[in-house]
Amino acid sequence: MRREAVDSEALRSVGYDPDSRILEIEFNSGTVYRYFAVPLSVYAGLMTAKSKGEYYATNIRTAGFEYEQRP
């Protein structure tokens, strides 16, 4: 999945596939997570959030999406 670099203290890049509704987030540590069945509105909210780290913590990490950690 192609990811776009973001301006964030916590996140390095973000990608989203609207067909599969997969959100992929790369953290500044290099760790990548894929979240499944993520609505487009959540991706759009992340990309427009003033603090992407806070948005992630509030609306993605604790939202109950299934996920996998990528190598």
Protein backbone atom coordinates (compact mmCIF):
# COMPACT_ATOMS: atom_id res chain seq x y z
CA MET A 1 0.00 0.00 0.00
CA ARG A 2 1.28 3.44 -0.83
CA ARG A 3 1.51 5.70 2.20
CA GLU A 4 1.71 9.48 2.38
CA ALA A 5 4.17 11.19 4.72
CA VAL A 6 2.44 13.17 7.48
CA ASP A 7 3.56 15.96 9.79
CA SER A 8 3.33 14.34 13.21
CA GLU A 9 5.49 13.67 16.26
CA ALA A 10 4.15 10.10 16.44
CA LEU A 11 3.23 9.07 12.89
CA ARG A 12 5.51 8.93 9.85
CA SER A 13 3.09 7.97 7.08
CA VAL A 14 -0.51 6.95 6.44
CA GLY A 15 -2.17 5.00 3.63
CA TYR A 16 -5.76 4.05 2.96
CA ASP A 17 -7.46 1.75 0.46
CA PRO A 18 -11.12 2.75 0.12
CA ASP A 19 -12.06 -0.49 -1.66
CA SER A 20 -10.82 -2.77 1.12
CA ARG A 21 -11.21 -0.10 3.86
CA ILE A 22 -7.71 -0.86 5.15
CA LEU A 23 -5.86 1.91 6.98
CA GLU A 24 -2.10 1.52 7.24
CA ILE A 25 -0.14 3.63 9.71
CA GLU A 26 3.63 3.79 10.00
CA PHE A 27 4.93 5.20 13.25
CA ASN A 28 8.15 7.17 13.62
CA SER A 29 9.61 4.08 15.30
CA GLY A 30 9.22 2.22 11.99
CA THR A 31 6.41 -0.03 13.23
CA VAL A 32 3.51 -0.41 10.77
CA TYR A 33 -0.05 -1.35 11.70
CA ARG A 34 -2.90 -2.25 9.34
CA TYR A 35 -6.42 -1.58 10.58
CA PHE A 36 -9.39 -3.30 8.92
CA ALA A 37 -12.94 -2.12 8.12
CA VAL A 38 -12.03 1.53 8.75
CA PRO A 39 -14.61 4.01 7.39
CA LEU A 40 -13.38 6.67 4.99
CA SER A 41 -14.55 9.30 7.49
CA VAL A 42 -12.02 8.05 10.07
CA TYR A 43 -9.18 8.22 7.54
CA ALA A 44 -10.28 11.70 6.46
CA GLY A 45 -10.47 12.80 10.09
CA LEU A 46 -6.94 11.54 10.73
CA MET A 47 -5.53 13.31 7.71
CA THR A 48 -7.14 16.64 8.63
CA ALA A 49 -6.54 16.45 12.40
CA LYS A 50 -4.37 19.12 13.95
CA SER A 51 -2.73 16.43 16.10
CA LYS A 52 -2.61 13.15 14.24
CA GLY A 53 -1.21 11.36 17.30
CA GLU A 54 -4.12 12.46 19.46
CA TYR A 55 -6.64 11.60 16.74
CA TYR A 56 -5.09 8.17 16.36
CA ALA A 57 -5.19 7.53 20.12
CA THR A 58 -8.80 8.66 20.47
CA ASN A 59 -10.44 7.45 17.25
CA ILE A 60 -8.40 4.49 16.00
CA ARG A 61 -6.31 2.77 18.68
CA THR A 62 -9.16 2.41 21.15
CA ALA A 63 -12.01 2.10 18.63
CA GLY A 64 -11.90 -1.69 18.44
CA PHE A 65 -10.79 -2.09 14.82
CA GLU A 66 -9.17 -5.42 14.01
CA TYR A 67 -5.53 -4.90 13.17
CA GLU A 68 -2.23 -6.56 12.46
CA GLN A 69 1.31 -5.43 13.00
CA ARG A 70 3.42 -5.52 9.84
CA PRO A 71 7.15 -6.25 9.80
